[in-house]
C-alpha atoms as a PDB file:
ATOM      1  CA  MET A   1      -7.702  20.247  12.123  1.00  0.00           C
ATOM      2  CA  LEU A   2      -4.012  19.871  11.311  1.00  0.00           C
ATOM      3  CA  THR A   3      -2.203  20.954   8.161  1.00  0.00           C
ATOM      4  CA  ILE A   4       0.074  18.048   7.311  1.00  0.00           C
ATOM      5  CA  ALA A   5       2.701  18.107   4.573  1.00  0.00           C
ATOM      6  CA  VAL A   6       3.213  14.757   2.856  1.00  0.00           C
ATOM      7  CA  THR A   7       6.314  14.071   0.773  1.00  0.00           C
ATOM      8  CA  GLY A   8       6.180  11.487  -1.994  1.00  0.00           C
ATOM      9  CA  ALA A   9       2.452  12.191  -2.155  1.00  0.00           C
ATOM     10  CA  THR A  10       2.118  10.803  -5.674  1.00  0.00           C
ATOM     11  CA  GLY A  11       4.005   7.637  -4.677  1.00  0.00           C
ATOM     12  CA  THR A  12       2.951   4.495  -2.858  1.00  0.00           C
ATOM     13  CA  GLN A  13       3.472   5.318   0.843  1.00  0.00           C
ATOM     14  CA  GLY A  14       2.932   9.070   0.563  1.00  0.00           C
ATOM     15  CA  GLY A  15      -0.201   8.582  -1.512  1.00  0.00           C
ATOM     16  CA  ALA A  16      -1.677   6.107   0.967  1.00  0.00           C
ATOM     17  CA  THR A  17      -0.904   8.481   3.859  1.00  0.00           C
ATOM     18  CA  ALA A  18      -2.383  11.491   2.055  1.00  0.00           C
ATOM     19  CA  ARG A  19      -5.599   9.588   1.326  1.00  0.00           C
ATOM     20  CA  ALA A  20      -5.898   8.380   4.932  1.00  0.00           C
ATOM     21  CA  LEU A  21      -5.379  11.904   6.295  1.00  0.00           C
ATOM     22  CA  LEU A  22      -7.888  13.429   3.868  1.00  0.00           C
ATOM     23  CA  ALA A  23     -10.440  10.770   4.824  1.00  0.00           C
ATOM     24  CA  ALA A  24      -9.923  11.747   8.478  1.00  0.00           C
ATOM     25  CA  GLY A  25     -10.674  15.391   7.656  1.00  0.00           C
ATOM     26  CA  HIS A  26      -7.191  16.907   7.850  1.00  0.00           C
ATOM     27  CA  ARG A  27      -5.720  19.506   5.519  1.00  0.00           C
ATOM     28  CA  VAL A  28      -3.109  17.798   3.383  1.00  0.00           C
ATOM     29  CA  ARG A  29      -0.334  19.611   1.601  1.00  0.00           C
ATOM     30  CA  ALA A  30       0.794  17.101  -1.003  1.00  0.00           C
ATOM     31  CA  LEU A  31       4.448  17.609  -1.930  1.00  0.00           C
ATOM     32  CA  THR A  32       5.612  16.256  -5.271  1.00  0.00           C
ATOM     33  CA  ARG A  33       8.100  16.925  -8.044  1.00  0.00           C
ATOM     34  CA  ARG A  34       5.299  16.233 -10.531  1.00  0.00           C
ATOM     35  CA  PRO A  35       2.339  18.499  -9.672  1.00  0.00           C
ATOM     36  CA  GLY A  36       0.938  18.011 -13.169  1.00  0.00           C
ATOM     37  CA  SER A  37       0.741  14.206 -12.944  1.00  0.00           C
ATOM     38  CA  SER A  38      -2.511  12.243 -12.948  1.00  0.00           C
ATOM     39  CA  ALA A  39      -1.738  11.099  -9.384  1.00  0.00           C
ATOM     40  CA  ALA A  40      -1.491  14.748  -8.321  1.00  0.00           C
ATOM     41  CA  ASP A  41      -4.788  15.501 -10.046  1.00  0.00           C
ATOM     42  CA  THR A  42      -6.408  12.627  -8.146  1.00  0.00           C
ATOM     43  CA  LEU A  43      -5.192  14.075  -4.842  1.00  0.00           C
ATOM     44  CA  ARG A  44      -6.522  17.507  -5.795  1.00  0.00           C
ATOM     45  CA  GLY A  45      -9.869  15.885  -6.479  1.00  0.00           C
ATOM     46  CA  LEU A  46      -9.819  14.480  -2.939  1.00  0.00           C
ATOM     47  CA  GLY A  47      -9.122  17.932  -1.506  1.00  0.00           C
ATOM     48  CA  ALA A  48      -5.319  18.064  -1.193  1.00  0.00           C
ATOM     49  CA  ASP A  49      -3.311  21.241  -1.703  1.00  0.00           C
ATOM     50  CA  VAL A  50      -0.657  20.079  -4.196  1.00  0.00           C
ATOM     51  CA  ARG A  51       2.695  21.855  -3.994  1.00  0.00           C
ATOM     52  CA  CYS A  52       5.815  21.438  -6.104  1.00  0.00           C
ATOM     53  CA  ALA A  53       8.796  20.427  -3.963  1.00  0.00           C
ATOM     54  CA  ASP A  54      12.129  18.829  -4.785  1.00  0.00           C
ATOM     55  CA  PHE A  55      14.543  17.289  -2.269  1.00  0.00           C
ATOM     56  CA  ASP A  56      17.428  18.795  -4.261  1.00  0.00           C
ATOM     57  CA  ASP A  57      15.920  22.293  -4.064  1.00  0.00           C
ATOM     58  CA  ARG A  58      15.985  23.441  -0.437  1.00  0.00           C
ATOM     59  CA  ALA A  59      14.097  26.652  -1.255  1.00  0.00           C
ATOM     60  CA  SER A  60      11.180  24.631  -2.650  1.00  0.00           C
ATOM     61  CA  LEU A  61      11.072  22.584   0.563  1.00  0.00           C
ATOM     62  CA  ASP A  62      11.144  25.694   2.741  1.00  0.00           C
ATOM     63  CA  ALA A  63       8.250  27.205   0.786  1.00  0.00           C
ATOM     64  CA  ALA A  64       6.235  23.985   0.827  1.00  0.00           C
ATOM     65  CA  LEU A  65       6.640  23.454   4.594  1.00  0.00           C
ATOM     66  CA  ALA A  66       5.978  27.052   5.695  1.00  0.00           C
ATOM     67  CA  GLY A  67       2.929  27.163   7.952  1.00  0.00           C
ATOM     68  CA  ALA A  68       2.434  23.379   8.147  1.00  0.00           C
ATOM     69  CA  ASP A  69       1.886  21.665  11.500  1.00  0.00           C
ATOM     70  CA  SER A  70       3.452  18.284  10.749  1.00  0.00           C
ATOM     71  CA  LEU A  71       5.302  16.333   8.071  1.00  0.00           C
ATOM     72  CA  PHE A  72       5.138  12.793   6.735  1.00  0.00           C
ATOM     73  CA  ALA A  73       8.601  12.140   5.310  1.00  0.00           C
ATOM     74  CA  VAL A  74       9.503   9.355   2.903  1.00  0.00           C
ATOM     75  CA  THR A  75      12.815   8.894   1.096  1.00  0.00           C
ATOM     76  CA  THR A  76      13.926   6.354  -1.492  1.00  0.00           C
ATOM     77  CA  PRO A  77      17.200   5.178  -3.032  1.00  0.00           C
ATOM     78  CA  PHE A  78      15.479   3.694  -6.063  1.00  0.00           C
ATOM     79  CA  GLY A  79      15.910   5.828  -9.149  1.00  0.00           C
ATOM     80  CA  ALA A  80      19.076   7.270  -7.601  1.00  0.00           C
ATOM     81  CA  ASP A  81      21.307   5.593  -4.986  1.00  0.00           C
ATOM     82  CA  THR A  82      21.678   5.258  -1.227  1.00  0.00           C
ATOM     83  CA  ALA A  83      24.047   8.237  -0.918  1.00  0.00           C
ATOM     84  CA  VAL A  84      21.474  10.435  -2.634  1.00  0.00           C
ATOM     85  CA  GLU A  85      18.736   9.091  -0.356  1.00  0.00           C
ATOM     86  CA  ALA A  86      20.739   9.937   2.769  1.00  0.00           C
ATOM     87  CA  ARG A  87      21.600  13.421   1.507  1.00  0.00           C
ATOM     88  CA  GLN A  88      18.040  14.220   0.432  1.00  0.00           C
ATOM     89  CA  GLY A  89      16.598  12.861   3.674  1.00  0.00           C
ATOM     90  CA  LYS A  90      18.908  15.034   5.755  1.00  0.00           C
ATOM     91  CA  THR A  91      17.984  18.091   3.668  1.00  0.00           C
ATOM     92  CA  LEU A  92      14.287  17.379   4.270  1.00  0.00           C
ATOM     93  CA  VAL A  93      14.857  17.019   8.029  1.00  0.00           C
ATOM     94  CA  ASP A  94      16.801  20.302   8.081  1.00  0.00           C
ATOM     95  CA  ALA A  95      13.966  22.076   6.257  1.00  0.00           C
ATOM     96  CA  ALA A  96      11.410  20.633   8.699  1.00  0.00           C
ATOM     97  CA  THR A  97      13.515  21.811  11.630  1.00  0.00           C
ATOM     98  CA  ALA A  98      13.886  25.303  10.164  1.00  0.00           C
ATOM     99  CA  ALA A  99      10.109  25.447   9.661  1.00  0.00           C
ATOM    100  CA  ARG A 100       9.650  24.603  13.378  1.00  0.00           C
ATOM    101  CA  LEU A 101       7.186  21.829  12.642  1.00  0.00           C
ATOM    102  CA  GLY A 102       5.411  20.278  15.596  1.00  0.00           C
ATOM    103  CA  HIS A 103       5.967  16.687  14.473  1.00  0.00           C
ATOM    104  CA  VAL A 104       7.905  14.798  11.791  1.00  0.00           C
ATOM    105  CA  VAL A 105       6.890  11.203  11.018  1.00  0.00           C
ATOM    106  CA  LEU A 106       9.622   9.478   9.022  1.00  0.00           C
ATOM    107  CA  THR A 107       8.946   6.161   7.315  1.00  0.00           C
ATOM    108  CA  SER A 108      12.027   3.933   7.307  1.00  0.00           C
ATOM    109  CA  ALA A 109      12.299   0.115   7.155  1.00  0.00           C
ATOM    110  CA  ALA A 110      11.780  -2.599   9.770  1.00  0.00           C
ATOM    111  CA  HIS A 111      15.129  -3.588  11.335  1.00  0.00           C
ATOM    112  CA  ALA A 112      16.979  -0.665   9.708  1.00  0.00           C
ATOM    113  CA  ASP A 113      18.316   0.187  13.174  1.00  0.00           C
ATOM    114  CA  ARG A 114      19.859  -3.290  13.658  1.00  0.00           C
ATOM    115  CA  GLY A 115      22.976  -3.093  11.501  1.00  0.00           C
ATOM    116  CA  THR A 116      21.578  -5.279   8.737  1.00  0.00           C
ATOM    117  CA  GLY A 117      24.256  -4.464   6.171  1.00  0.00           C
ATOM    118  CA  VAL A 118      21.489  -3.901   3.593  1.00  0.00           C
ATOM    119  CA  PRO A 119      22.502  -0.708   1.750  1.00  0.00           C
ATOM    120  CA  HIS A 120      19.047   0.884   1.454  1.00  0.00           C
ATOM    121  CA  TYR A 121      18.320   0.061   5.109  1.00  0.00           C
ATOM    122  CA  GLU A 122      21.592   1.676   6.186  1.00  0.00           C
ATOM    123  CA  SER A 123      20.823   4.879   4.236  1.00  0.00           C
ATOM    124  CA  LYS A 124      17.416   5.101   5.875  1.00  0.00           C
ATOM    125  CA  TYR A 125      19.010   4.693   9.289  1.00  0.00           C
ATOM    126  CA  LEU A 126      21.364   7.597   8.559  1.00  0.00           C
ATOM    127  CA  VAL A 127      18.294   9.767   7.985  1.00  0.00           C
ATOM    128  CA  GLU A 128      16.736   8.416  11.205  1.00  0.00           C
ATOM    129  CA  GLN A 129      19.831   9.380  13.180  1.00  0.00           C
ATOM    130  CA  HIS A 130      19.841  12.869  11.661  1.00  0.00           C
ATOM    131  CA  LEU A 131      16.175  13.285  12.610  1.00  0.00           C
ATOM    132  CA  ARG A 132      16.771  12.189  16.205  1.00  0.00           C
ATOM    133  CA  ALA A 133      19.535  14.792  16.545  1.00  0.00           C
ATOM    134  CA  ALA A 134      17.631  17.627  14.862  1.00  0.00           C
ATOM    135  CA  GLY A 135      15.617  18.784  17.861  1.00  0.00           C
ATOM    136  CA  VAL A 136      12.208  18.506  16.189  1.00  0.00           C
ATOM    137  CA  PRO A 137       9.555  16.192  17.697  1.00  0.00           C
ATOM    138  CA  TRP A 138       9.785  12.924  15.754  1.00  0.00           C
ATOM    139  CA  THR A 139       8.393   9.440  15.247  1.00  0.00           C
ATOM    140  CA  VAL A 140       9.863   6.737  13.035  1.00  0.00           C
ATOM    141  CA  ILE A 141       7.563   4.113  11.558  1.00  0.00           C
ATOM    142  CA  ALA A 142       9.399   1.210   9.964  1.00  0.00           C
ATOM    143  CA  PRO A 143       7.379  -1.001   7.594  1.00  0.00           C
ATOM    144  CA  ALA A 144       8.191  -4.646   6.884  1.00  0.00           C
ATOM    145  CA  ALA A 145       8.202  -6.038   3.313  1.00  0.00           C
ATOM    146  CA  PHE A 146       5.638  -4.434   0.995  1.00  0.00           C
ATOM    147  CA  MET A 147       2.771  -6.616  -0.161  1.00  0.00           C
ATOM    148  CA  ASP A 148       2.315  -4.200  -3.081  1.00  0.00           C
ATOM    149  CA  ASN A 149       5.571  -5.451  -4.609  1.00  0.00           C
ATOM    150  CA  TYR A 150       3.885  -8.805  -5.243  1.00  0.00           C
ATOM    151  CA  ALA A 151       1.658  -7.207  -7.893  1.00  0.00           C
ATOM    152  CA  GLY A 152       4.504  -6.208 -10.203  1.00  0.00           C
ATOM    153  CA  GLY A 153       8.038  -6.889 -11.411  1.00  0.00           C
ATOM    154  CA  TRP A 154       9.369 -10.427 -11.468  1.00  0.00           C
ATOM    155  CA  THR A 155       6.498 -11.693  -9.303  1.00  0.00           C
ATOM    156  CA  LEU A 156       3.962 -10.739 -11.942  1.00  0.00           C
ATOM    157  CA  ASP A 157       6.161 -12.178 -14.689  1.00  0.00           C
ATOM    158  CA  GLY A 158       6.361 -15.473 -12.791  1.00  0.00           C
ATOM    159  CA  LEU A 159       2.619 -15.617 -12.105  1.00  0.00           C
ATOM    160  CA  ARG A 160       1.970 -15.551 -15.834  1.00  0.00           C
ATOM    161  CA  GLU A 161       3.887 -18.853 -15.966  1.00  0.00           C
ATOM    162  CA  GLY A 162       2.239 -20.287 -12.843  1.00  0.00           C
ATOM    163  CA  THR A 163       5.178 -19.726 -10.504  1.00  0.00           C
ATOM    164  CA  PHE A 164       5.822 -17.484  -7.532  1.00  0.00           C
ATOM    165  CA  ALA A 165       9.507 -16.735  -8.067  1.00  0.00           C
ATOM    166  CA  TRP A 166      11.010 -15.405  -4.828  1.00  0.00           C
ATOM    167  CA  PRO A 167      14.585 -15.482  -3.439  1.00  0.00           C
ATOM    168  CA  MET A 168      13.697 -17.207  -0.160  1.00  0.00           C
ATOM    169  CA  PRO A 169      13.103 -20.808   0.986  1.00  0.00           C
ATOM    170  CA  ALA A 170       9.468 -21.934   0.892  1.00  0.00           C
ATOM    171  CA  ASP A 171       9.214 -22.278   4.684  1.00  0.00           C
ATOM    172  CA  GLN A 172      10.984 -19.070   5.830  1.00  0.00           C
ATOM    173  CA  PRO A 173       8.486 -16.636   7.452  1.00  0.00           C
ATOM    174  CA  LEU A 174       8.444 -13.002   6.354  1.00  0.00           C
ATOM    175  CA  THR A 175       6.461 -10.126   7.852  1.00  0.00           C
ATOM    176  CA  LEU A 176       4.461  -8.099   5.339  1.00  0.00           C
ATOM    177  CA  ILE A 177       2.383  -4.930   5.060  1.00  0.00           C
ATOM    178  CA  PRO A 178       0.374  -3.213   2.301  1.00  0.00           C
ATOM    179  CA  ALA A 179       0.736   0.497   1.545  1.00  0.00           C
ATOM    180  CA  ASP A 180      -2.821   1.194   2.749  1.00  0.00           C
ATOM    181  CA  ASP A 181      -1.937  -0.050   6.242  1.00  0.00           C
ATOM    182  CA  ILE A 182       1.234   2.059   6.282  1.00  0.00           C
ATOM    183  CA  GLY A 183      -0.843   5.091   5.377  1.00  0.00           C
ATOM    184  CA  ALA A 184      -3.492   4.318   7.984  1.00  0.00           C
ATOM    185  CA  PHE A 185      -0.890   3.844  10.721  1.00  0.00           C
ATOM    186  CA  ALA A 186       0.990   7.002   9.698  1.00  0.00           C
ATOM    187  CA  ALA A 187      -2.268   8.973   9.839  1.00  0.00           C
ATOM    188  CA  LEU A 188      -2.946   7.565  13.316  1.00  0.00           C
ATOM    189  CA  VAL A 189       0.520   8.615  14.506  1.00  0.00           C
ATOM    190  CA  LEU A 190       0.122  12.107  13.035  1.00  0.00           C
ATOM    191  CA  ARG A 191      -3.281  12.528  14.709  1.00  0.00           C
ATOM    192  CA  ARG A 192      -1.980  11.328  18.096  1.00  0.00           C
ATOM    193  CA  ARG A 193       1.438  12.952  18.137  1.00  0.00           C
ATOM    194  CA  ASP A 194       1.690  13.176  21.939  1.00  0.00           C
ATOM    195  CA  GLU A 195       1.331   9.409  22.225  1.00  0.00           C
ATOM    196  CA  PHE A 196       3.959   8.581  19.586  1.00  0.00           C
ATOM    197  CA  THR A 197       6.591  11.325  19.814  1.00  0.00           C
ATOM    198  CA  GLY A 198      10.089   9.924  20.363  1.00  0.00           C
ATOM    199  CA  GLN A 199       9.143   6.351  19.369  1.00  0.00           C
ATOM    200  CA  ARG A 200      10.492   4.060  16.654  1.00  0.00           C
ATOM    201  CA  ILE A 201       7.973   1.371  15.694  1.00  0.00           C
ATOM    202  CA  ASP A 202       8.442  -1.559  13.313  1.00  0.00           C
ATOM    203  CA  ILE A 203       5.094  -2.278  11.633  1.00  0.00           C
ATOM    204  CA  ALA A 204       3.614  -5.250   9.762  1.00  0.00           C
ATOM    205  CA  SER A 205       0.123  -6.661   9.332  1.00  0.00           C
ATOM    206  CA  ASP A 206       0.797 -10.322   8.550  1.00  0.00           C
ATOM    207  CA  GLU A 207       3.497 -13.005   8.521  1.00  0.00           C
ATOM    208  CA  ARG A 208       3.572 -15.576   5.736  1.00  0.00           C
ATOM    209  CA  THR A 209       6.084 -17.994   4.221  1.00  0.00           C
ATOM    210  CA  PRO A 210       6.733 -17.948   0.449  1.00  0.00           C
ATOM    211  CA  GLY A 211       4.881 -21.251   0.262  1.00  0.00           C
ATOM    212  CA  GLN A 212       1.835 -19.694   1.942  1.00  0.00           C
ATOM    213  CA  ILE A 213       2.122 -16.609  -0.268  1.00  0.00           C
ATOM    214  CA  ALA A 214       2.030 -18.832  -3.355  1.00  0.00           C
ATOM    215  CA  GLN A 215      -1.141 -20.525  -2.027  1.00  0.00           C
ATOM    216  CA  ALA A 216      -2.812 -17.153  -1.382  1.00  0.00           C
ATOM    217  CA  LEU A 217      -1.859 -15.899  -4.849  1.00  0.00           C
ATOM    218  CA  ALA A 218      -3.291 -19.061  -6.404  1.00  0.00           C
ATOM    219  CA  ALA A 219      -6.571 -18.540  -4.554  1.00  0.00           C
ATOM    220  CA  ALA A 220      -6.737 -14.849  -5.495  1.00  0.00           C
ATOM    221  CA  THR A 221      -5.804 -15.270  -9.168  1.00  0.00           C
ATOM    222  CA  GLY A 222      -7.715 -18.475  -9.764  1.00  0.00           C
ATOM    223  CA  ARG A 223      -4.576 -19.992 -11.303  1.00  0.00           C
ATOM    224  CA  PRO A 224      -2.233 -22.737 -10.124  1.00  0.00           C
ATOM    225  CA  VAL A 225       0.815 -21.118  -8.513  1.00  0.00           C
ATOM    226  CA  THR A 226       3.877 -22.907  -7.124  1.00  0.00           C
ATOM    227  CA  HIS A 227       6.788 -21.340  -5.240  1.00  0.00           C
ATOM    228  CA  GLN A 228      10.123 -21.324  -7.028  1.00  0.00           C
ATOM    229  CA  GLU A 229      13.189 -20.237  -5.054  1.00  0.00           C
ATOM    230  CA  VAL A 230      15.297 -17.797  -7.084  1.00  0.00           C
ATOM    231  CA  PRO A 231      19.032 -18.195  -6.336  1.00  0.00           C
ATOM    232  CA  LEU A 232      20.582 -15.247  -4.505  1.00  0.00           C
ATOM    233  CA  ALA A 233      23.443 -15.394  -7.001  1.00  0.00           C
ATOM    234  CA  TYR A 234      20.979 -14.484  -9.749  1.00  0.00           C
ATOM    235  CA  VAL A 235      19.519 -11.597  -7.713  1.00  0.00           C
ATOM    236  CA  ARG A 236      23.069 -10.374  -7.083  1.00  0.00           C
ATOM    237  CA  THR A 237      23.632 -10.013 -10.830  1.00  0.00           C
ATOM    238  CA  ARG A 238      20.654  -7.633 -10.930  1.00  0.00           C
ATOM    239  CA  SER A 239      21.097  -5.756  -7.629  1.00  0.00           C
ATOM    240  CA  ALA A 240      23.631  -6.255  -4.848  1.00  0.00           C
ATOM    241  CA  ASP A 241      21.361  -4.184  -2.585  1.00  0.00           C
ATOM    242  CA  LEU A 242      18.305  -6.413  -3.067  1.00  0.00           C
ATOM    243  CA  ALA A 243      20.456  -9.550  -2.776  1.00  0.00           C
ATOM    244  CA  ALA A 244      21.704  -8.317   0.603  1.00  0.00           C
ATOM    245  CA  MET A 245      18.113  -7.693   1.684  1.00  0.00           C
ATOM    246  CA  PHE A 246      16.922 -11.193   0.744  1.00  0.00           C
ATOM    247  CA  GLU A 247      19.991 -12.713   2.365  1.00  0.00           C
ATOM    248  CA  TYR A 248      19.054 -10.884   5.587  1.00  0.00           C
ATOM    249  CA  PHE A 249      15.409 -11.999   5.285  1.00  0.00           C
ATOM    250  CA  THR A 250      16.569 -15.621   5.008  1.00  0.00           C
ATOM    251  CA  ALA A 251      19.390 -15.638   7.578  1.00  0.00           C
ATOM    252  CA  SER A 252      17.964 -13.341  10.275  1.00  0.00           C
ATOM    253  CA  GLY A 253      14.300 -12.925   9.447  1.00  0.00           C
ATOM    254  CA  LEU A 254      12.212  -9.780   9.718  1.00  0.00           C
ATOM    255  CA  ASP A 255      10.326 -10.312  12.946  1.00  0.00           C
ATOM    256  CA  VAL A 256       7.689  -7.725  13.866  1.00  0.00           C
ATOM    257  CA  ASP A 257       5.063  -8.000  16.606  1.00  0.00           C
ATOM    258  CA  VAL A 258       2.059  -8.378  14.300  1.00  0.00           C
ATOM    259  CA  ALA A 259      -0.263  -9.634  17.045  1.00  0.00           C
ATOM    260  CA  GLY A 260       0.651  -6.729  19.341  1.00  0.00           C
ATOM    261  CA  LEU A 261       0.032  -4.138  16.631  1.00  0.00           C
ATOM    262  CA  ARG A 262      -3.348  -5.648  15.779  1.00  0.00           C
ATOM    263  CA  ARG A 263      -4.274  -5.681  19.483  1.00  0.00           C
ATOM    264  CA  ASP A 264      -3.105  -2.136  20.289  1.00  0.00           C
ATOM    265  CA  TYR A 265      -4.187  -0.304  17.110  1.00  0.00           C
ATOM    266  CA  PRO A 266      -7.295  -2.053  15.732  1.00  0.00           C
ATOM    267  CA  GLU A 267      -8.475   1.198  14.123  1.00  0.00           C
ATOM    268  CA  VAL A 268      -5.791   0.772  11.457  1.00  0.00           C
ATOM    269  CA  GLY A 269      -7.844  -2.054   9.948  1.00  0.00           C
ATOM    270  CA  TRP A 270      -4.825  -4.276   9.313  1.00  0.00           C
ATOM    271  CA  HIS A 271      -4.996  -6.447   6.184  1.00  0.00           C
ATOM    272  CA  SER A 272      -3.800 -10.032   5.960  1.00  0.00           C
ATOM    273  CA  PHE A 273      -1.910 -11.066   2.828  1.00  0.00           C
ATOM    274  CA  ALA A 274      -5.017 -12.950   1.672  1.00  0.00           C
ATOM    275  CA  ASP A 275      -7.103  -9.777   2.183  1.00  0.00           C
ATOM    276  CA  TRP A 276      -4.648  -7.781   0.093  1.00  0.00           C
ATOM    277  CA  ALA A 277      -4.324 -10.396  -2.647  1.00  0.00           C
ATOM    278  CA  THR A 278      -8.095 -10.762  -2.972  1.00  0.00           C
ATOM    279  CA  GLY A 279      -8.379  -6.988  -3.427  1.00  0.00           C
ATOM    280  CA  GLN A 280      -6.117  -6.831  -6.502  1.00  0.00           C
ATOM    281  CA  ASP A 281      -7.369  -6.769 -10.093  1.00  0.00           C
ATOM    282  CA  TRP A 282      -5.303  -9.745 -11.201  1.00  0.00           C
ATOM    283  CA  ALA A 283      -7.065 -10.057 -14.555  1.00  0.00           C
ATOM    284  CA  ALA A 284      -5.864  -6.587 -15.540  1.00  0.00           C
ATOM    285  CA  LEU A 285      -2.430  -7.024 -13.981  1.00  0.00           C
ATOM    286  CA  LEU A 286      -1.740 -10.343 -15.674  1.00  0.00           C
ATOM    287  CA  ALA A 287      -2.980  -8.999 -18.998  1.00  0.00           C
ATOM    288  CA  SER A 288      -0.534  -6.064 -18.853  1.00  0.00           C
ATOM    289  CA  VAL A 289       2.696  -6.012 -20.853  1.00  0.00           C
ATOM    290  CA  PRO A 290       5.432  -8.033 -19.063  1.00  0.00           C
ATOM    291  CA  ALA A 291       8.161  -5.916 -17.459  1.00  0.00           C
ATOM    292  CA  HIS A 292      10.939  -7.489 -19.553  1.00  0.00           C
ATOM    293  CA  GLN A 293       9.337  -6.625 -22.904  1.00  0.00           C
END
């Protein structure tokens, strides 16, 4: 039985990974800046050892990682910026190296190693490069676009009006993955470290066009839904980073070998977009207060 530290344990990817590891019988050390949160309490109820750790407090990281076997590392620019993400990610890698961990699994982004020009992909790749040079056994998993984002933000606002508002053409394919599949794959990699050490793997569980996504959302919500292409110029007024990402999705695409992943790692239990959409509580989501109010 491994003791695995999980950063961002009260967040989307970290939480999914912590739950998958606990379900597999491993000891999970859940690292979070908010050990008193309801999400932290839920993890405690599942058997996790919740520890307070802050990327800007190296001593807290050193204490939280002491005696662990492995680390699941997630960083984010949202709520800060890409420079902060790169700095915090490098600090986390340095702490993992100092703790002499047997394996660090870093979650990045699909295509982040391809010079996309997308700011939050580039910051993740800086952390990847630092990890590769650190001398600790590593694996990078790189998820495609998150299905979970379709249950909030402007997507949810649009669904209330019967539209799937998305900044891509209706017929442009996009690879997708839900947080639960990221967590399941991360847990698999952490359990089978010898097989995955030194690898960088783009992961996705389905590929759909915005038109197909709109159809799946209509079926899942029981409401008419039509795709509406949001102009990139509008997205740019809200976030240059996200505009660059959608421009890359449209111009280059986000190809991932979905069929190969499903063939080679069936134990992950990959979800299609329709599977994911059907599993959401749309009645509650659509009844919630719109994000812009």
